[in-house]
Amino acid sequence: MDLQDQLQALFPDHQPSEDQKENKETEDVSFYIHNTPPLGCIYEKRKGKPHTVIENYQGAQKDFKALSSALKSKLKVGGSFKNERIVIQGDKRDEIMDYLSSLGFTVKRIGG
């Protein structure tokens, strides 16, 4: 039960405004989204294990960290971010590209 449900139980006659309804329907994205340059989605093997690397994100450090966390939680995998690159464990290129495209990013598949 989230906060909205608890408030509705306490105040059953209250009707939320139109702004509150619109905000609830949109996905909460806490990082800066822009279209240039396209993000590169690369498949690599490190020590024999597959990894997906995302390059060319031009946001601030906190936005970079938020995007990395969003990807890892969406895909339920581990990973890290360092030196302007996000490294996700496993070959998840298709899922990452679909998710980033749905957020409004331009994504380019690099290699294979």
PDB file of N, CA and C in Angstrom:
ATOM      1  N   MET A   1       0.848  -1.167   0.000  1.00  0.00           N
ATOM      2  CA  MET A   1       0.000   0.000   0.000  1.00  0.00           C
ATOM      3  C   MET A   1       0.900   1.238   0.000  1.00  0.00           C
ATOM      4  N   ASP A   2       0.806   2.059  -1.046  1.00  0.00           N
ATOM      5  CA  ASP A   2       1.641   3.246  -1.115  1.00  0.00           C
ATOM      6  C   ASP A   2       0.953   4.434  -0.444  1.00  0.00           C
ATOM      7  N   LEU A   3       1.625   5.549  -0.460  1.00  0.00           N
ATOM      8  CA  LEU A   3       1.149   6.738   0.239  1.00  0.00           C
ATOM      9  C   LEU A   3      -0.185   7.224  -0.321  1.00  0.00           C
ATOM     10  N   GLN A   4      -0.368   7.177  -1.631  1.00  0.00           N
ATOM     11  CA  GLN A   4      -1.618   7.624  -2.240  1.00  0.00           C
ATOM     12  C   GLN A   4      -2.800   6.790  -1.749  1.00  0.00           C
ATOM     13  N   ASP A   5      -2.615   5.487  -1.640  1.00  0.00           N
ATOM     14  CA  ASP A   5      -3.684   4.618  -1.152  1.00  0.00           C
ATOM     15  C   ASP A   5      -4.004   4.910   0.310  1.00  0.00           C
ATOM     16  N   GLN A   6      -2.975   5.173   1.100  1.00  0.00           N
ATOM     17  CA  GLN A   6      -3.195   5.489   2.506  1.00  0.00           C
ATOM     18  C   GLN A   6      -3.954   6.802   2.653  1.00  0.00           C
ATOM     19  N   LEU A   7      -3.579   7.807   1.863  1.00  0.00           N
ATOM     20  CA  LEU A   7      -4.293   9.075   1.922  1.00  0.00           C
ATOM     21  C   LEU A   7      -5.739   8.932   1.463  1.00  0.00           C
ATOM     22  N   GLN A   8      -5.974   8.106   0.453  1.00  0.00           N
ATOM     23  CA  GLN A   8      -7.335   7.879  -0.033  1.00  0.00           C
ATOM     24  C   GLN A   8      -8.184   7.193   1.035  1.00  0.00           C
ATOM     25  N   ALA A   9      -7.569   6.306   1.822  1.00  0.00           N
ATOM     26  CA  ALA A   9      -8.297   5.647   2.900  1.00  0.00           C
ATOM     27  C   ALA A   9      -8.644   6.645   4.007  1.00  0.00           C
ATOM     28  N   LEU A  10      -7.748   7.586   4.287  1.00  0.00           N
ATOM     29  CA  LEU A  10      -8.003   8.590   5.325  1.00  0.00           C
ATOM     30  C   LEU A  10      -8.996   9.658   4.875  1.00  0.00           C
ATOM     31  N   PHE A  11      -8.915  10.048   3.599  1.00  0.00           N
ATOM     32  CA  PHE A  11      -9.772  11.103   3.060  1.00  0.00           C
ATOM     33  C   PHE A  11     -10.508  10.586   1.824  1.00  0.00           C
ATOM     34  N   PRO A  12     -11.577   9.800   2.009  1.00  0.00           N
ATOM     35  CA  PRO A  12     -12.259   9.181   0.863  1.00  0.00           C
ATOM     36  C   PRO A  12     -12.964  10.176  -0.054  1.00  0.00           C
ATOM     37  N   ASP A  13     -13.308  11.383   0.438  1.00  0.00           N
ATOM     38  CA  ASP A  13     -14.024  12.360  -0.384  1.00  0.00           C
ATOM     39  C   ASP A  13     -13.097  13.199  -1.258  1.00  0.00           C
ATOM     40  N   HIS A  14     -11.775  13.139  -1.007  1.00  0.00           N
ATOM     41  CA  HIS A  14     -10.818  13.961  -1.755  1.00  0.00           C
ATOM     42  C   HIS A  14     -10.636  13.430  -3.174  1.00  0.00           C
ATOM     43  N   GLN A  15     -10.701  14.353  -4.148  1.00  0.00           N
ATOM     44  CA  GLN A  15     -10.457  13.995  -5.545  1.00  0.00           C
ATOM     45  C   GLN A  15      -9.134  14.628  -5.972  1.00  0.00           C
ATOM     46  N   PRO A  16      -8.166  13.834  -6.459  1.00  0.00           N
ATOM     47  CA  PRO A  16      -6.877  14.410  -6.872  1.00  0.00           C
ATOM     48  C   PRO A  16      -7.052  15.319  -8.088  1.00  0.00           C
ATOM     49  N   SER A  17      -6.189  16.339  -8.179  1.00  0.00           N
ATOM     50  CA  SER A  17      -6.245  17.260  -9.307  1.00  0.00           C
ATOM     51  C   SER A  17      -5.704  16.578 -10.565  1.00  0.00           C
ATOM     52  N   GLU A  18      -5.892  17.231 -11.700  1.00  0.00           N
ATOM     53  CA  GLU A  18      -5.444  16.673 -12.979  1.00  0.00           C
ATOM     54  C   GLU A  18      -3.925  16.537 -13.028  1.00  0.00           C
ATOM     55  N   ASP A  19      -3.194  17.481 -12.423  1.00  0.00           N
ATOM     56  CA  ASP A  19      -1.729  17.420 -12.421  1.00  0.00           C
ATOM     57  C   ASP A  19      -1.234  16.189 -11.679  1.00  0.00           C
ATOM     58  N   GLN A  20      -1.865  15.840 -10.577  1.00  0.00           N
ATOM     59  CA  GLN A  20      -1.456  14.666  -9.817  1.00  0.00           C
ATOM     60  C   GLN A  20      -1.727  13.388 -10.598  1.00  0.00           C
ATOM     61  N   LYS A  21      -2.823  13.335 -11.344  1.00  0.00           N
ATOM     62  CA  LYS A  21      -3.130  12.150 -12.149  1.00  0.00           C
ATOM     63  C   LYS A  21      -2.108  11.967 -13.260  1.00  0.00           C
ATOM     64  N   GLU A  22      -1.718  13.064 -13.921  1.00  0.00           N
ATOM     65  CA  GLU A  22      -0.746  12.979 -15.013  1.00  0.00           C
ATOM     66  C   GLU A  22       0.621  12.551 -14.494  1.00  0.00           C
ATOM     67  N   ASN A  23       1.037  13.066 -13.344  1.00  0.00           N
ATOM     68  CA  ASN A  23       2.342  12.719 -12.786  1.00  0.00           C
ATOM     69  C   ASN A  23       2.413  11.252 -12.401  1.00  0.00           C
ATOM     70  N   LYS A  24       1.317  10.669 -11.969  1.00  0.00           N
ATOM     71  CA  LYS A  24       1.313   9.270 -11.566  1.00  0.00           C
ATOM     72  C   LYS A  24       1.466   8.344 -12.769  1.00  0.00           C
ATOM     73  N   GLU A  25       0.949   8.781 -13.931  1.00  0.00           N
ATOM     74  CA  GLU A  25       0.984   7.932 -15.123  1.00  0.00           C
ATOM     75  C   GLU A  25       2.344   7.924 -15.804  1.00  0.00           C
ATOM     76  N   THR A  26       3.108   9.008 -15.685  1.00  0.00           N
ATOM     77  CA  THR A  26       4.407   9.065 -16.345  1.00  0.00           C
ATOM     78  C   THR A  26       5.449   8.337 -15.525  1.00  0.00           C
ATOM     79  N   GLU A  27       6.428   7.762 -16.216  1.00  0.00           N
ATOM     80  CA  GLU A  27       7.506   7.041 -15.546  1.00  0.00           C
ATOM     81  C   GLU A  27       8.479   8.031 -14.929  1.00  0.00           C
ATOM     82  N   ASP A  28       8.931   7.754 -13.723  1.00  0.00           N
ATOM     83  CA  ASP A  28       9.857   8.636 -13.030  1.00  0.00           C
ATOM     84  C   ASP A  28      11.263   8.411 -13.569  1.00  0.00           C
ATOM     85  N   VAL A  29      11.765   9.393 -14.311  1.00  0.00           N
ATOM     86  CA  VAL A  29      13.109   9.334 -14.880  1.00  0.00           C
ATOM     87  C   VAL A  29      13.910  10.447 -14.230  1.00  0.00           C
ATOM     88  N   SER A  30      14.960  10.095 -13.508  1.00  0.00           N
ATOM     89  CA  SER A  30      15.705  11.088 -12.747  1.00  0.00           C
ATOM     90  C   SER A  30      17.033  11.449 -13.399  1.00  0.00           C
ATOM     91  N   PHE A  31      17.176  11.221 -14.691  1.00  0.00           N
ATOM     92  CA  PHE A  31      18.413  11.580 -15.368  1.00  0.00           C
ATOM     93  C   PHE A  31      18.090  12.352 -16.635  1.00  0.00           C
ATOM     94  N   TYR A  32      19.063  13.102 -17.102  1.00  0.00           N
ATOM     95  CA  TYR A  32      18.896  13.970 -18.253  1.00  0.00           C
ATOM     96  C   TYR A  32      18.921  13.151 -19.539  1.00  0.00           C
ATOM     97  N   ILE A  33      17.925  13.372 -20.393  1.00  0.00           N
ATOM     98  CA  ILE A  33      17.829  12.639 -21.656  1.00  0.00           C
ATOM     99  C   ILE A  33      18.032  13.629 -22.803  1.00  0.00           C
ATOM    100  N   HIS A  34      18.905  13.285 -23.713  1.00  0.00           N
ATOM    101  CA  HIS A  34      19.132  14.091 -24.900  1.00  0.00           C
ATOM    102  C   HIS A  34      19.418  13.168 -26.069  1.00  0.00           C
ATOM    103  N   ASN A  35      19.418  13.733 -27.272  1.00  0.00           N
ATOM    104  CA  ASN A  35      19.506  12.891 -28.460  1.00  0.00           C
ATOM    105  C   ASN A  35      20.879  12.830 -29.106  1.00  0.00           C
ATOM    106  N   THR A  36      21.808  13.708 -28.790  1.00  0.00           N
ATOM    107  CA  THR A  36      23.086  13.666 -29.464  1.00  0.00           C
ATOM    108  C   THR A  36      24.212  13.474 -28.474  1.00  0.00           C
ATOM    109  N   PRO A  37      25.234  12.762 -28.765  1.00  0.00           N
ATOM    110  CA  PRO A  37      25.360  11.761 -29.815  1.00  0.00           C
ATOM    111  C   PRO A  37      24.626  10.490 -29.423  1.00  0.00           C
ATOM    112  N   PRO A  38      24.421   9.569 -30.355  1.00  0.00           N
ATOM    113  CA  PRO A  38      23.739   8.328 -29.989  1.00  0.00           C
ATOM    114  C   PRO A  38      24.572   7.497 -29.025  1.00  0.00           C
ATOM    115  N   LEU A  39      23.902   6.832 -28.119  1.00  0.00           N
ATOM    116  CA  LEU A  39      24.587   5.945 -27.187  1.00  0.00           C
ATOM    117  C   LEU A  39      25.050   4.705 -27.934  1.00  0.00           C
ATOM    118  N   GLY A  40      26.243   4.250 -27.646  1.00  0.00           N
ATOM    119  CA  GLY A  40      26.774   3.042 -28.274  1.00  0.00           C
ATOM    120  C   GLY A  40      26.555   1.848 -27.367  1.00  0.00           C
ATOM    121  N   CYS A  41      26.012   0.782 -27.897  1.00  0.00           N
ATOM    122  CA  CYS A  41      25.767  -0.446 -27.144  1.00  0.00           C
ATOM    123  C   CYS A  41      26.694  -1.523 -27.713  1.00  0.00           C
ATOM    124  N   ILE A  42      27.682  -1.939 -26.918  1.00  0.00           N
ATOM    125  CA  ILE A  42      28.754  -2.807 -27.386  1.00  0.00           C
ATOM    126  C   ILE A  42      28.750  -4.115 -26.605  1.00  0.00           C
ATOM    127  N   TYR A  43      29.017  -5.221 -27.298  1.00  0.00           N
ATOM    128  CA  TYR A  43      29.164  -6.526 -26.656  1.00  0.00           C
ATOM    129  C   TYR A  43      30.652  -6.819 -26.518  1.00  0.00           C
ATOM    130  N   GLU A  44      31.069  -7.175 -25.291  1.00  0.00           N
ATOM    131  CA  GLU A  44      32.470  -7.524 -25.042  1.00  0.00           C
ATOM    132  C   GLU A  44      32.539  -8.767 -24.183  1.00  0.00           C
ATOM    133  N   LYS A  45      33.664  -9.447 -24.257  1.00  0.00           N
ATOM    134  CA  LYS A  45      33.940 -10.547 -23.336  1.00  0.00           C
ATOM    135  C   LYS A  45      35.101 -10.124 -22.467  1.00  0.00           C
ATOM    136  N   ARG A  46      34.909 -10.254 -21.162  1.00  0.00           N
ATOM    137  CA  ARG A  46      35.963  -9.935 -20.203  1.00  0.00           C
ATOM    138  C   ARG A  46      36.199 -11.157 -19.349  1.00  0.00           C
ATOM    139  N   LYS A  47      37.410 -11.662 -19.405  1.00  0.00           N
ATOM    140  CA  LYS A  47      37.779 -12.883 -18.698  1.00  0.00           C
ATOM    141  C   LYS A  47      36.827 -14.033 -19.031  1.00  0.00           C
ATOM    142  N   GLY A  48      36.430 -14.108 -20.299  1.00  0.00           N
ATOM    143  CA  GLY A  48      35.592 -15.193 -20.773  1.00  0.00           C
ATOM    144  C   GLY A  48      34.104 -15.017 -20.509  1.00  0.00           C
ATOM    145  N   LYS A  49      33.701 -13.938 -19.859  1.00  0.00           N
ATOM    146  CA  LYS A  49      32.291 -13.723 -19.536  1.00  0.00           C
ATOM    147  C   LYS A  49      31.734 -12.566 -20.360  1.00  0.00           C
ATOM    148  N   PRO A  50      30.493 -12.697 -20.837  1.00  0.00           N
ATOM    149  CA  PRO A  50      29.922 -11.636 -21.675  1.00  0.00           C
ATOM    150  C   PRO A  50      29.522 -10.403 -20.863  1.00  0.00           C
ATOM    151  N   HIS A  51      29.743  -9.237 -21.456  1.00  0.00           N
ATOM    152  CA  HIS A  51      29.357  -7.969 -20.863  1.00  0.00           C
ATOM    153  C   HIS A  51      28.799  -7.075 -21.956  1.00  0.00           C
ATOM    154  N   THR A  52      27.865  -6.211 -21.581  1.00  0.00           N
ATOM    155  CA  THR A  52      27.351  -5.197 -22.488  1.00  0.00           C
ATOM    156  C   THR A  52      27.827  -3.844 -21.979  1.00  0.00           C
ATOM    157  N   VAL A  53      28.384  -3.039 -22.871  1.00  0.00           N
ATOM    158  CA  VAL A  53      28.943  -1.745 -22.501  1.00  0.00           C
ATOM    159  C   VAL A  53      28.157  -0.648 -23.215  1.00  0.00           C
ATOM    160  N   ILE A  54      27.776   0.393 -22.464  1.00  0.00           N
ATOM    161  CA  ILE A  54      27.091   1.543 -23.039  1.00  0.00           C
ATOM    162  C   ILE A  54      28.039   2.732 -22.956  1.00  0.00           C
ATOM    163  N   GLU A  55      28.243   3.388 -24.093  1.00  0.00           N
ATOM    164  CA  GLU A  55      29.165   4.520 -24.182  1.00  0.00           C
ATOM    165  C   GLU A  55      28.444   5.764 -24.669  1.00  0.00           C
ATOM    166  N   ASN A  56      29.131   6.901 -24.572  1.00  0.00           N
ATOM    167  CA  ASN A  56      28.725   8.192 -25.137  1.00  0.00           C
ATOM    168  C   ASN A  56      27.608   8.890 -24.391  1.00  0.00           C
ATOM    169  N   TYR A  57      27.341   8.553 -23.131  1.00  0.00           N
ATOM    170  CA  TYR A  57      26.355   9.318 -22.368  1.00  0.00           C
ATOM    171  C   TYR A  57      27.019  10.602 -21.913  1.00  0.00           C
ATOM    172  N   GLN A  58      26.394  11.758 -22.169  1.00  0.00           N
ATOM    173  CA  GLN A  58      27.017  13.053 -21.930  1.00  0.00           C
ATOM    174  C   GLN A  58      26.442  13.801 -20.735  1.00  0.00           C
ATOM    175  N   GLY A  59      25.700  13.137 -19.856  1.00  0.00           N
ATOM    176  CA  GLY A  59      25.100  13.806 -18.712  1.00  0.00           C
ATOM    177  C   GLY A  59      26.081  14.028 -17.582  1.00  0.00           C
ATOM    178  N   ALA A  60      25.574  14.619 -16.491  1.00  0.00           N
ATOM    179  CA  ALA A  60      26.386  14.851 -15.303  1.00  0.00           C
ATOM    180  C   ALA A  60      26.655  13.526 -14.594  1.00  0.00           C
ATOM    181  N   GLN A  61      27.575  13.551 -13.621  1.00  0.00           N
ATOM    182  CA  GLN A  61      27.962  12.328 -12.912  1.00  0.00           C
ATOM    183  C   GLN A  61      26.774  11.696 -12.186  1.00  0.00           C
ATOM    184  N   LYS A  62      25.928  12.522 -11.537  1.00  0.00           N
ATOM    185  CA  LYS A  62      24.785  11.957 -10.817  1.00  0.00           C
ATOM    186  C   LYS A  62      23.757  11.381 -11.796  1.00  0.00           C
ATOM    187  N   ASP A  63      23.600  12.004 -12.975  1.00  0.00           N
ATOM    188  CA  ASP A  63      22.702  11.464 -13.992  1.00  0.00           C
ATOM    189  C   ASP A  63      23.237  10.149 -14.534  1.00  0.00           C
ATOM    190  N   PHE A  64      24.547  10.088 -14.705  1.00  0.00           N
ATOM    191  CA  PHE A  64      25.208   8.874 -15.188  1.00  0.00           C
ATOM    192  C   PHE A  64      24.977   7.730 -14.212  1.00  0.00           C
ATOM    193  N   LYS A  65      25.105   8.014 -12.920  1.00  0.00           N
ATOM    194  CA  LYS A  65      24.893   7.012 -11.881  1.00  0.00           C
ATOM    195  C   LYS A  65      23.424   6.578 -11.839  1.00  0.00           C
ATOM    196  N   ALA A  66      22.500   7.524 -12.013  1.00  0.00           N
ATOM    197  CA  ALA A  66      21.068   7.203 -12.000  1.00  0.00           C
ATOM    198  C   ALA A  66      20.692   6.328 -13.192  1.00  0.00           C
ATOM    199  N   LEU A  67      21.252   6.617 -14.366  1.00  0.00           N
ATOM    200  CA  LEU A  67      20.982   5.802 -15.548  1.00  0.00           C
ATOM    201  C   LEU A  67      21.520   4.392 -15.356  1.00  0.00           C
ATOM    202  N   SER A  68      22.715   4.273 -14.804  1.00  0.00           N
ATOM    203  CA  SER A  68      23.308   2.968 -14.539  1.00  0.00           C
ATOM    204  C   SER A  68      22.442   2.164 -13.574  1.00  0.00           C
ATOM    205  N   SER A  69      21.992   2.800 -12.506  1.00  0.00           N
ATOM    206  CA  SER A  69      21.144   2.118 -11.527  1.00  0.00           C
ATOM    207  C   SER A  69      19.814   1.708 -12.130  1.00  0.00           C
ATOM    208  N   ALA A  70      19.240   2.566 -12.965  1.00  0.00           N
ATOM    209  CA  ALA A  70      17.965   2.244 -13.606  1.00  0.00           C
ATOM    210  C   ALA A  70      18.096   1.030 -14.523  1.00  0.00           C
ATOM    211  N   LEU A  71      19.187   0.977 -15.288  1.00  0.00           N
ATOM    212  CA  LEU A  71      19.408  -0.166 -16.177  1.00  0.00           C
ATOM    213  C   LEU A  71      19.600  -1.457 -15.390  1.00  0.00           C
ATOM    214  N   LYS A  72      20.406  -1.398 -14.333  1.00  0.00           N
ATOM    215  CA  LYS A  72      20.681  -2.603 -13.548  1.00  0.00           C
ATOM    216  C   LYS A  72      19.424  -3.103 -12.847  1.00  0.00           C
ATOM    217  N   SER A  73      18.603  -2.206 -12.341  1.00  0.00           N
ATOM    218  CA  SER A  73      17.385  -2.645 -11.659  1.00  0.00           C
ATOM    219  C   SER A  73      16.340  -3.125 -12.656  1.00  0.00           C
ATOM    220  N   LYS A  74      16.262  -2.510 -13.817  1.00  0.00           N
ATOM    221  CA  LYS A  74      15.305  -2.933 -14.852  1.00  0.00           C
ATOM    222  C   LYS A  74      15.639  -4.340 -15.358  1.00  0.00           C
ATOM    223  N   LEU A  75      16.929  -4.607 -15.580  1.00  0.00           N
ATOM    224  CA  LEU A  75      17.353  -5.895 -16.121  1.00  0.00           C
ATOM    225  C   LEU A  75      17.651  -6.933 -15.040  1.00  0.00           C
ATOM    226  N   LYS A  76      17.697  -6.487 -13.782  1.00  0.00           N
ATOM    227  CA  LYS A  76      17.983  -7.372 -12.650  1.00  0.00           C
ATOM    228  C   LYS A  76      19.319  -8.093 -12.816  1.00  0.00           C
ATOM    229  N   VAL A  77      20.343  -7.302 -13.165  1.00  0.00           N
ATOM    230  CA  VAL A  77      21.695  -7.826 -13.325  1.00  0.00           C
ATOM    231  C   VAL A  77      22.673  -6.909 -12.606  1.00  0.00           C
ATOM    232  N   GLY A  78      23.897  -7.364 -12.478  1.00  0.00           N
ATOM    233  CA  GLY A  78      24.942  -6.547 -11.887  1.00  0.00           C
ATOM    234  C   GLY A  78      25.636  -5.717 -12.939  1.00  0.00           C
ATOM    235  N   GLY A  79      26.469  -4.826 -12.481  1.00  0.00           N
ATOM    236  CA  GLY A  79      27.211  -3.999 -13.405  1.00  0.00           C
ATOM    237  C   GLY A  79      27.918  -2.894 -12.660  1.00  0.00           C
ATOM    238  N   SER A  80      28.555  -2.018 -13.417  1.00  0.00           N
ATOM    239  CA  SER A  80      29.264  -0.901 -12.820  1.00  0.00           C
ATOM    240  C   SER A  80      29.314   0.236 -13.823  1.00  0.00           C
ATOM    241  N   PHE A  81      29.789   1.384 -13.362  1.00  0.00           N
ATOM    242  CA  PHE A  81      30.015   2.500 -14.263  1.00  0.00           C
ATOM    243  C   PHE A  81      31.335   3.152 -13.894  1.00  0.00           C
ATOM    244  N   LYS A  82      32.113   3.460 -14.914  1.00  0.00           N
ATOM    245  CA  LYS A  82      33.424   4.055 -14.703  1.00  0.00           C
ATOM    246  C   LYS A  82      33.919   4.619 -16.030  1.00  0.00           C
ATOM    247  N   ASN A  83      34.597   5.732 -15.963  1.00  0.00           N
ATOM    248  CA  ASN A  83      35.207   6.346 -17.151  1.00  0.00           C
ATOM    249  C   ASN A  83      34.214   6.552 -18.290  1.00  0.00           C
ATOM    250  N   GLU A  84      33.042   7.108 -17.956  1.00  0.00           N
ATOM    251  CA  GLU A  84      32.016   7.418 -18.956  1.00  0.00           C
ATOM    252  C   GLU A  84      31.499   6.185 -19.684  1.00  0.00           C
ATOM    253  N   ARG A  85      31.556   5.023 -19.046  1.00  0.00           N
ATOM    254  CA  ARG A  85      31.034   3.779 -19.622  1.00  0.00           C
ATOM    255  C   ARG A  85      30.215   3.054 -18.574  1.00  0.00           C
ATOM    256  N   ILE A  86      29.101   2.475 -18.995  1.00  0.00           N
ATOM    257  CA  ILE A  86      28.285   1.639 -18.124  1.00  0.00           C
ATOM    258  C   ILE A  86      28.504   0.204 -18.571  1.00  0.00           C
ATOM    259  N   VAL A  87      28.888  -0.663 -17.644  1.00  0.00           N
ATOM    260  CA  VAL A  87      29.145  -2.071 -17.944  1.00  0.00           C
ATOM    261  C   VAL A  87      28.062  -2.899 -17.264  1.00  0.00           C
ATOM    262  N   ILE A  88      27.316  -3.665 -18.059  1.00  0.00           N
ATOM    263  CA  ILE A  88      26.245  -4.526 -17.564  1.00  0.00           C
ATOM    264  C   ILE A  88      26.670  -5.968 -17.795  1.00  0.00           C
ATOM    265  N   GLN A  89      26.478  -6.812 -16.797  1.00  0.00           N
ATOM    266  CA  GLN A  89      26.867  -8.217 -16.913  1.00  0.00           C
ATOM    267  C   GLN A  89      25.892  -8.949 -17.829  1.00  0.00           C
ATOM    268  N   GLY A  90      26.436  -9.730 -18.735  1.00  0.00           N
ATOM    269  CA  GLY A  90      25.633 -10.530 -19.656  1.00  0.00           C
ATOM    270  C   GLY A  90      25.413  -9.822 -20.984  1.00  0.00           C
ATOM    271  N   ASP A  91      24.948 -10.584 -21.968  1.00  0.00           N
ATOM    272  CA  ASP A  91      24.640 -10.040 -23.287  1.00  0.00           C
ATOM    273  C   ASP A  91      23.189  -9.570 -23.278  1.00  0.00           C
ATOM    274  N   LYS A  92      22.968  -8.339 -22.916  1.00  0.00           N
ATOM    275  CA  LYS A  92      21.620  -7.768 -22.779  1.00  0.00           C
ATOM    276  C   LYS A  92      21.394  -6.634 -23.766  1.00  0.00           C
ATOM    277  N   ARG A  93      22.044  -6.694 -24.926  1.00  0.00           N
ATOM    278  CA  ARG A  93      21.977  -5.574 -25.874  1.00  0.00           C
ATOM    279  C   ARG A  93      20.557  -5.266 -26.317  1.00  0.00           C
ATOM    280  N   ASP A  94      19.775  -6.288 -26.657  1.00  0.00           N
ATOM    281  CA  ASP A  94      18.425  -6.047 -27.160  1.00  0.00           C
ATOM    282  C   ASP A  94      17.541  -5.404 -26.098  1.00  0.00           C
ATOM    283  N   GLU A  95      17.593  -5.921 -24.870  1.00  0.00           N
ATOM    284  CA  GLU A  95      16.771  -5.373 -23.794  1.00  0.00           C
ATOM    285  C   GLU A  95      17.185  -3.942 -23.462  1.00  0.00           C
ATOM    286  N   ILE A  96      18.502  -3.682 -23.429  1.00  0.00           N
ATOM    287  CA  ILE A  96      19.000  -2.345 -23.125  1.00  0.00           C
ATOM    288  C   ILE A  96      18.596  -1.363 -24.211  1.00  0.00           C
ATOM    289  N   MET A  97      18.734  -1.763 -25.459  1.00  0.00           N
ATOM    290  CA  MET A  97      18.379  -0.873 -26.555  1.00  0.00           C
ATOM    291  C   MET A  97      16.886  -0.568 -26.556  1.00  0.00           C
ATOM    292  N   ASP A  98      16.043  -1.549 -26.273  1.00  0.00           N
ATOM    293  CA  ASP A  98      14.597  -1.314 -26.204  1.00  0.00           C
ATOM    294  C   ASP A  98      14.256  -0.353 -25.075  1.00  0.00           C
ATOM    295  N   TYR A  99      14.865  -0.573 -23.912  1.00  0.00           N
ATOM    296  CA  TYR A  99      14.575   0.272 -22.750  1.00  0.00           C
ATOM    297  C   TYR A  99      15.036   1.708 -22.980  1.00  0.00           C
ATOM    298  N   LEU A 100      16.255   1.884 -23.482  1.00  0.00           N
ATOM    299  CA  LEU A 100      16.769   3.234 -23.715  1.00  0.00           C
ATOM    300  C   LEU A 100      15.985   3.948 -24.809  1.00  0.00           C
ATOM    301  N   SER A 101      15.549   3.214 -25.829  1.00  0.00           N
ATOM    302  CA  SER A 101      14.737   3.819 -26.884  1.00  0.00           C
ATOM    303  C   SER A 101      13.387   4.263 -26.343  1.00  0.00           C
ATOM    304  N   SER A 102      12.816   3.468 -25.435  1.00  0.00           N
ATOM    305  CA  SER A 102      11.526   3.854 -24.861  1.00  0.00           C
ATOM    306  C   SER A 102      11.651   5.092 -23.981  1.00  0.00           C
ATOM    307  N   LEU A 103      12.845   5.347 -23.436  1.00  0.00           N
ATOM    308  CA  LEU A 103      13.071   6.545 -22.629  1.00  0.00           C
ATOM    309  C   LEU A 103      13.338   7.777 -23.486  1.00  0.00           C
ATOM    310  N   GLY A 104      13.650   7.576 -24.766  1.00  0.00           N
ATOM    311  CA  GLY A 104      13.875   8.707 -25.651  1.00  0.00           C
ATOM    312  C   GLY A 104      15.305   8.861 -26.133  1.00  0.00           C
ATOM    313  N   PHE A 105      16.172   7.939 -25.781  1.00  0.00           N
ATOM    314  CA  PHE A 105      17.556   7.980 -26.233  1.00  0.00           C
ATOM    315  C   PHE A 105      17.656   7.434 -27.648  1.00  0.00           C
ATOM    316  N   THR A 106      18.662   7.887 -28.390  1.00  0.00           N
ATOM    317  CA  THR A 106      19.021   7.293 -29.660  1.00  0.00           C
ATOM    318  C   THR A 106      20.140   6.311 -29.374  1.00  0.00           C
ATOM    319  N   VAL A 107      19.948   5.040 -29.761  1.00  0.00           N
ATOM    320  CA  VAL A 107      20.918   4.003 -29.431  1.00  0.00           C
ATOM    321  C   VAL A 107      21.419   3.367 -30.707  1.00  0.00           C
ATOM    322  N   LYS A 108      22.740   3.154 -30.777  1.00  0.00           N
ATOM    323  CA  LYS A 108      23.370   2.545 -31.945  1.00  0.00           C
ATOM    324  C   LYS A 108      24.052   1.257 -31.507  1.00  0.00           C
ATOM    325  N   ARG A 109      23.734   0.164 -32.185  1.00  0.00           N
ATOM    326  CA  ARG A 109      24.374  -1.136 -31.893  1.00  0.00           C
ATOM    327  C   ARG A 109      25.724  -1.153 -32.584  1.00  0.00           C
ATOM    328  N   ILE A 110      26.776  -1.402 -31.800  1.00  0.00           N
ATOM    329  CA  ILE A 110      28.133  -1.402 -32.338  1.00  0.00           C
ATOM    330  C   ILE A 110      28.681  -2.821 -32.254  1.00  0.00           C
ATOM    331  N   GLY A 111      29.106  -3.364 -33.374  1.00  0.00           N
ATOM    332  CA  GLY A 111      29.661  -4.714 -33.420  1.00  0.00           C
ATOM    333  C   GLY A 111      28.563  -5.762 -33.453  1.00  0.00           C
ATOM    334  N   GLY A 112      28.882  -6.916 -34.002  1.00  0.00           N
ATOM    335  CA  GLY A 112      28.045  -8.097 -34.069  1.00  0.00           C
ATOM    336  C   GLY A 112      26.636  -7.926 -34.048  1.00  0.00           C
TER     337      GLY A 112
END
